[in-house]
N, C-alpha and C. Protein backbone atom coordinates (compact mmCIF):
# COMPACT_ATOMS: atom_id res chain seq x y z
N MET A 1 -4.12 4.45 -10.05
CA MET A 1 -3.87 4.46 -8.63
C MET A 1 -2.44 4.93 -8.41
N VAL A 2 -2.28 5.80 -7.44
CA VAL A 2 -0.96 6.31 -7.08
C VAL A 2 -0.77 6.05 -5.59
N GLU A 3 0.34 5.44 -5.26
CA GLU A 3 0.70 5.24 -3.86
C GLU A 3 2.07 5.84 -3.68
N GLY A 4 2.21 6.70 -2.70
CA GLY A 4 3.49 7.34 -2.52
C GLY A 4 3.56 8.07 -1.20
N GLY A 5 4.51 8.98 -1.13
CA GLY A 5 4.72 9.74 0.08
C GLY A 5 4.18 11.15 -0.04
N THR A 6 4.59 11.98 0.89
CA THR A 6 4.10 13.35 1.00
C THR A 6 4.24 14.13 -0.31
N THR A 7 5.38 14.08 -0.94
CA THR A 7 5.63 14.85 -2.16
C THR A 7 4.71 14.41 -3.29
N LEU A 8 4.62 13.12 -3.51
CA LEU A 8 3.78 12.60 -4.60
C LEU A 8 2.31 12.90 -4.35
N HIS A 9 1.84 12.73 -3.13
CA HIS A 9 0.45 13.06 -2.81
C HIS A 9 0.17 14.53 -3.11
N THR A 10 1.07 15.40 -2.69
CA THR A 10 0.90 16.84 -2.91
C THR A 10 0.87 17.16 -4.40
N GLN A 11 1.75 16.52 -5.19
CA GLN A 11 1.82 16.78 -6.62
C GLN A 11 0.54 16.37 -7.35
N PHE A 12 -0.18 15.38 -6.86
CA PHE A 12 -1.42 14.95 -7.48
C PHE A 12 -2.63 15.70 -6.94
N LEU A 13 -2.63 16.03 -5.65
CA LEU A 13 -3.82 16.65 -5.05
C LEU A 13 -3.92 18.15 -5.28
N THR A 14 -2.81 18.88 -5.27
CA THR A 14 -2.90 20.33 -5.43
C THR A 14 -3.44 20.75 -6.81
N PRO A 15 -3.06 20.09 -7.92
CA PRO A 15 -3.64 20.49 -9.21
C PRO A 15 -4.94 19.74 -9.55
N ALA A 16 -5.51 19.03 -8.59
CA ALA A 16 -6.78 18.30 -8.77
C ALA A 16 -6.67 17.21 -9.84
N LEU A 17 -5.57 16.45 -9.83
CA LEU A 17 -5.40 15.36 -10.79
C LEU A 17 -5.95 14.04 -10.28
N ALA A 18 -6.30 13.95 -9.01
CA ALA A 18 -6.85 12.72 -8.44
C ALA A 18 -8.36 12.83 -8.34
N ASP A 19 -9.06 11.72 -8.62
CA ASP A 19 -10.52 11.74 -8.49
C ASP A 19 -11.01 10.99 -7.26
N GLU A 20 -10.11 10.26 -6.61
CA GLU A 20 -10.45 9.56 -5.37
C GLU A 20 -9.28 9.65 -4.41
N LEU A 21 -9.59 9.53 -3.13
CA LEU A 21 -8.58 9.49 -2.09
C LEU A 21 -8.96 8.37 -1.13
N HIS A 22 -8.05 7.41 -0.94
CA HIS A 22 -8.27 6.31 0.00
C HIS A 22 -7.31 6.51 1.16
N LEU A 23 -7.84 6.56 2.36
CA LEU A 23 -7.03 6.72 3.56
C LEU A 23 -7.22 5.51 4.45
N VAL A 24 -6.13 5.00 5.00
CA VAL A 24 -6.20 3.90 5.98
C VAL A 24 -5.66 4.46 7.28
N ILE A 25 -6.49 4.41 8.32
CA ILE A 25 -6.15 4.99 9.61
C ILE A 25 -5.75 3.87 10.58
N PRO A 26 -4.52 3.91 11.10
CA PRO A 26 -4.08 2.88 12.05
C PRO A 26 -4.56 3.21 13.47
N PRO A 27 -4.50 2.23 14.36
CA PRO A 27 -4.97 2.45 15.73
C PRO A 27 -3.91 3.06 16.66
N PHE A 28 -3.10 3.96 16.14
CA PHE A 28 -2.12 4.65 16.98
C PHE A 28 -1.84 6.02 16.36
N VAL A 29 -1.51 6.99 17.20
CA VAL A 29 -1.18 8.34 16.74
C VAL A 29 -0.08 8.91 17.61
N GLY A 30 0.49 10.01 17.18
CA GLY A 30 1.40 10.75 18.04
C GLY A 30 2.87 10.59 17.77
N ASP A 31 3.28 9.88 16.71
CA ASP A 31 4.69 9.76 16.40
C ASP A 31 5.15 11.06 15.73
N PRO A 32 5.94 11.88 16.41
CA PRO A 32 6.33 13.17 15.84
C PRO A 32 7.24 13.04 14.63
N THR A 33 7.81 11.87 14.38
CA THR A 33 8.68 11.68 13.22
C THR A 33 7.93 11.06 12.04
N ALA A 34 6.66 10.77 12.20
CA ALA A 34 5.88 10.15 11.12
C ALA A 34 5.73 11.12 9.95
N ALA A 35 5.72 10.56 8.74
CA ALA A 35 5.54 11.38 7.54
C ALA A 35 4.14 11.98 7.51
N ARG A 36 4.01 13.10 6.88
CA ARG A 36 2.72 13.76 6.70
C ARG A 36 2.10 13.26 5.40
N LEU A 37 0.77 13.29 5.34
CA LEU A 37 0.07 12.86 4.13
C LEU A 37 0.37 13.81 2.97
N VAL A 38 0.33 15.11 3.23
CA VAL A 38 0.59 16.11 2.20
C VAL A 38 1.44 17.24 2.76
N ALA A 39 2.07 17.97 1.84
CA ALA A 39 2.86 19.14 2.22
C ALA A 39 1.98 20.39 2.10
N PRO A 40 2.43 21.51 2.65
CA PRO A 40 1.67 22.74 2.48
C PRO A 40 1.49 23.05 0.99
N GLY A 41 0.35 23.58 0.64
CA GLY A 41 0.07 23.92 -0.75
C GLY A 41 -1.32 24.49 -0.88
N THR A 42 -1.71 24.81 -2.09
CA THR A 42 -3.05 25.30 -2.38
C THR A 42 -3.85 24.14 -2.92
N TYR A 43 -4.81 23.67 -2.14
CA TYR A 43 -5.61 22.50 -2.49
C TYR A 43 -7.01 22.93 -2.90
N PRO A 44 -7.61 22.24 -3.88
CA PRO A 44 -8.96 22.59 -4.29
C PRO A 44 -10.02 22.23 -3.25
N GLN A 45 -9.71 21.30 -2.35
CA GLN A 45 -10.67 20.92 -1.32
C GLN A 45 -10.56 21.90 -0.15
N SER A 46 -11.73 22.24 0.40
CA SER A 46 -11.78 23.16 1.54
C SER A 46 -13.11 22.94 2.24
N SER A 47 -13.38 23.75 3.24
CA SER A 47 -14.69 23.63 3.90
C SER A 47 -15.82 23.97 2.93
N ALA A 48 -15.54 24.77 1.92
CA ALA A 48 -16.55 25.11 0.92
C ALA A 48 -16.64 24.06 -0.21
N HIS A 49 -15.56 23.32 -0.44
CA HIS A 49 -15.50 22.28 -1.47
C HIS A 49 -15.03 20.98 -0.81
N ARG A 50 -15.93 20.34 -0.13
CA ARG A 50 -15.59 19.17 0.67
C ARG A 50 -15.49 17.91 -0.18
N MET A 51 -14.68 16.97 0.28
CA MET A 51 -14.61 15.66 -0.34
C MET A 51 -15.88 14.89 0.02
N ASN A 52 -16.27 13.95 -0.83
CA ASN A 52 -17.48 13.17 -0.61
C ASN A 52 -17.11 11.78 -0.09
N LEU A 53 -17.39 11.50 1.19
CA LEU A 53 -17.10 10.19 1.78
C LEU A 53 -18.06 9.17 1.20
N THR A 54 -17.51 8.16 0.49
CA THR A 54 -18.36 7.19 -0.19
C THR A 54 -18.27 5.78 0.38
N GLU A 55 -17.24 5.50 1.17
CA GLU A 55 -17.10 4.14 1.71
C GLU A 55 -16.25 4.16 2.98
N VAL A 56 -16.69 3.37 3.95
CA VAL A 56 -15.93 3.16 5.19
C VAL A 56 -15.88 1.65 5.42
N ARG A 57 -14.66 1.11 5.57
CA ARG A 57 -14.52 -0.33 5.82
C ARG A 57 -13.55 -0.57 6.96
N GLN A 58 -13.90 -1.51 7.81
CA GLN A 58 -12.97 -1.96 8.84
C GLN A 58 -12.18 -3.12 8.27
N ILE A 59 -10.85 -3.04 8.37
CA ILE A 59 -9.97 -4.11 7.92
C ILE A 59 -9.09 -4.46 9.12
N GLY A 60 -9.46 -5.51 9.83
CA GLY A 60 -8.74 -5.84 11.06
C GLY A 60 -8.88 -4.71 12.06
N ASP A 61 -7.74 -4.16 12.49
CA ASP A 61 -7.79 -3.07 13.48
C ASP A 61 -7.56 -1.69 12.86
N VAL A 62 -7.72 -1.59 11.53
CA VAL A 62 -7.62 -0.30 10.87
C VAL A 62 -8.94 0.01 10.17
N VAL A 63 -9.12 1.27 9.80
CA VAL A 63 -10.32 1.67 9.06
C VAL A 63 -9.87 2.28 7.73
N SER A 64 -10.57 1.93 6.67
CA SER A 64 -10.30 2.46 5.34
C SER A 64 -11.41 3.43 4.97
N LEU A 65 -11.03 4.64 4.56
CA LEU A 65 -11.98 5.67 4.15
C LEU A 65 -11.76 5.96 2.67
N ARG A 66 -12.84 6.00 1.91
CA ARG A 66 -12.75 6.29 0.47
C ARG A 66 -13.53 7.58 0.20
N TYR A 67 -12.84 8.57 -0.35
CA TYR A 67 -13.45 9.85 -0.68
C TYR A 67 -13.42 10.07 -2.19
N LEU A 68 -14.48 10.64 -2.73
CA LEU A 68 -14.48 11.13 -4.10
C LEU A 68 -14.15 12.61 -4.06
N LEU A 69 -13.24 13.01 -4.93
CA LEU A 69 -12.80 14.40 -4.98
C LEU A 69 -13.51 15.05 -6.16
N GLU A 70 -14.67 15.61 -5.92
CA GLU A 70 -15.51 16.15 -6.99
C GLU A 70 -14.83 17.26 -7.77
N VAL A 71 -13.92 17.99 -7.15
CA VAL A 71 -13.24 19.07 -7.85
C VAL A 71 -12.45 18.51 -9.03
N ALA A 72 -11.90 17.30 -8.90
CA ALA A 72 -11.12 16.71 -9.98
C ALA A 72 -11.98 16.50 -11.22
N LEU A 73 -13.27 16.27 -11.04
CA LEU A 73 -14.16 16.05 -12.17
C LEU A 73 -14.39 17.33 -12.96
N GLU A 74 -14.13 18.47 -12.35
CA GLU A 74 -14.34 19.76 -13.01
C GLU A 74 -13.11 20.23 -13.78
N VAL A 75 -11.98 19.54 -13.62
CA VAL A 75 -10.75 19.94 -14.31
C VAL A 75 -10.92 19.64 -15.79
N SER A 76 -10.56 20.58 -16.63
CA SER A 76 -10.73 20.38 -18.07
C SER A 76 -9.74 19.36 -18.61
N THR A 77 -10.11 18.70 -19.69
CA THR A 77 -9.24 17.72 -20.32
C THR A 77 -7.94 18.36 -20.78
N SER A 78 -7.99 19.58 -21.25
CA SER A 78 -6.78 20.23 -21.73
C SER A 78 -5.78 20.44 -20.60
N THR A 79 -6.25 20.74 -19.41
CA THR A 79 -5.36 20.92 -18.27
C THR A 79 -4.66 19.60 -17.94
N VAL A 80 -5.43 18.51 -17.92
CA VAL A 80 -4.85 17.21 -17.62
C VAL A 80 -3.85 16.83 -18.71
N CYS A 81 -4.19 17.04 -19.97
CA CYS A 81 -3.29 16.69 -21.07
C CYS A 81 -1.99 17.49 -21.00
N ARG A 82 -2.07 18.78 -20.68
CA ARG A 82 -0.85 19.58 -20.56
C ARG A 82 0.03 19.03 -19.45
N SER A 83 -0.58 18.57 -18.34
CA SER A 83 0.21 18.06 -17.23
C SER A 83 0.83 16.72 -17.56
N VAL A 84 0.09 15.87 -18.25
CA VAL A 84 0.57 14.51 -18.54
C VAL A 84 1.56 14.52 -19.69
N LEU A 85 1.38 15.40 -20.67
CA LEU A 85 2.18 15.37 -21.88
C LEU A 85 3.35 16.34 -21.85
N THR A 86 3.85 16.67 -20.69
CA THR A 86 5.00 17.55 -20.57
C THR A 86 6.22 16.85 -21.15
N PRO A 87 6.99 17.52 -22.01
CA PRO A 87 8.17 16.89 -22.62
C PRO A 87 9.17 16.44 -21.57
N PRO A 88 10.03 15.47 -21.94
CA PRO A 88 11.04 14.98 -21.00
C PRO A 88 11.93 16.10 -20.49
N GLY A 89 12.36 15.96 -19.25
CA GLY A 89 13.26 16.93 -18.64
C GLY A 89 14.70 16.55 -18.91
N PRO A 90 15.63 17.12 -18.15
CA PRO A 90 17.05 16.83 -18.32
C PRO A 90 17.32 15.34 -18.20
N GLY A 91 18.19 14.84 -19.05
CA GLY A 91 18.55 13.42 -18.99
C GLY A 91 17.53 12.53 -19.66
N GLY A 92 16.50 13.11 -20.31
CA GLY A 92 15.51 12.32 -21.02
C GLY A 92 14.43 11.74 -20.14
N HIS A 93 14.43 12.07 -18.86
CA HIS A 93 13.40 11.55 -17.95
C HIS A 93 12.17 12.43 -18.04
N PRO A 94 10.98 11.82 -18.01
CA PRO A 94 9.75 12.64 -18.04
C PRO A 94 9.71 13.58 -16.85
N SER A 95 9.26 14.79 -17.09
CA SER A 95 9.10 15.73 -15.98
C SER A 95 7.72 15.63 -15.40
N VAL A 96 7.56 16.03 -14.15
CA VAL A 96 6.26 15.99 -13.48
C VAL A 96 5.65 17.36 -13.57
N GLY A 97 4.35 17.40 -13.87
CA GLY A 97 3.66 18.69 -13.90
C GLY A 97 3.48 19.18 -15.31
N GLY A 98 3.22 20.43 -15.44
CA GLY A 98 2.98 21.03 -16.74
C GLY A 98 2.98 22.52 -16.62
N SER A 99 2.71 23.17 -17.72
CA SER A 99 2.68 24.63 -17.69
C SER A 99 1.32 25.13 -18.06
């Protein structure tokens, strides 16, 4: 499970590293300063490759949506391993992504 902001969501969703997406929708909209779920990028999901809605739950005054991202299941193991096993970057910290 990964919980984060716009950058982290984008880093996991654009290369199809996530197999599920859970969204919680609050009962208000319209804050122009609110963070975005994802940044611009090339995503494997589209109108031709839709996410599969598998669960809807009401939790108080919010709704939780659970989607399966079928495209992630098609990603080869070697692609995932290259992304996860990238050598440490500067300062010895693990780098994000792969080649």
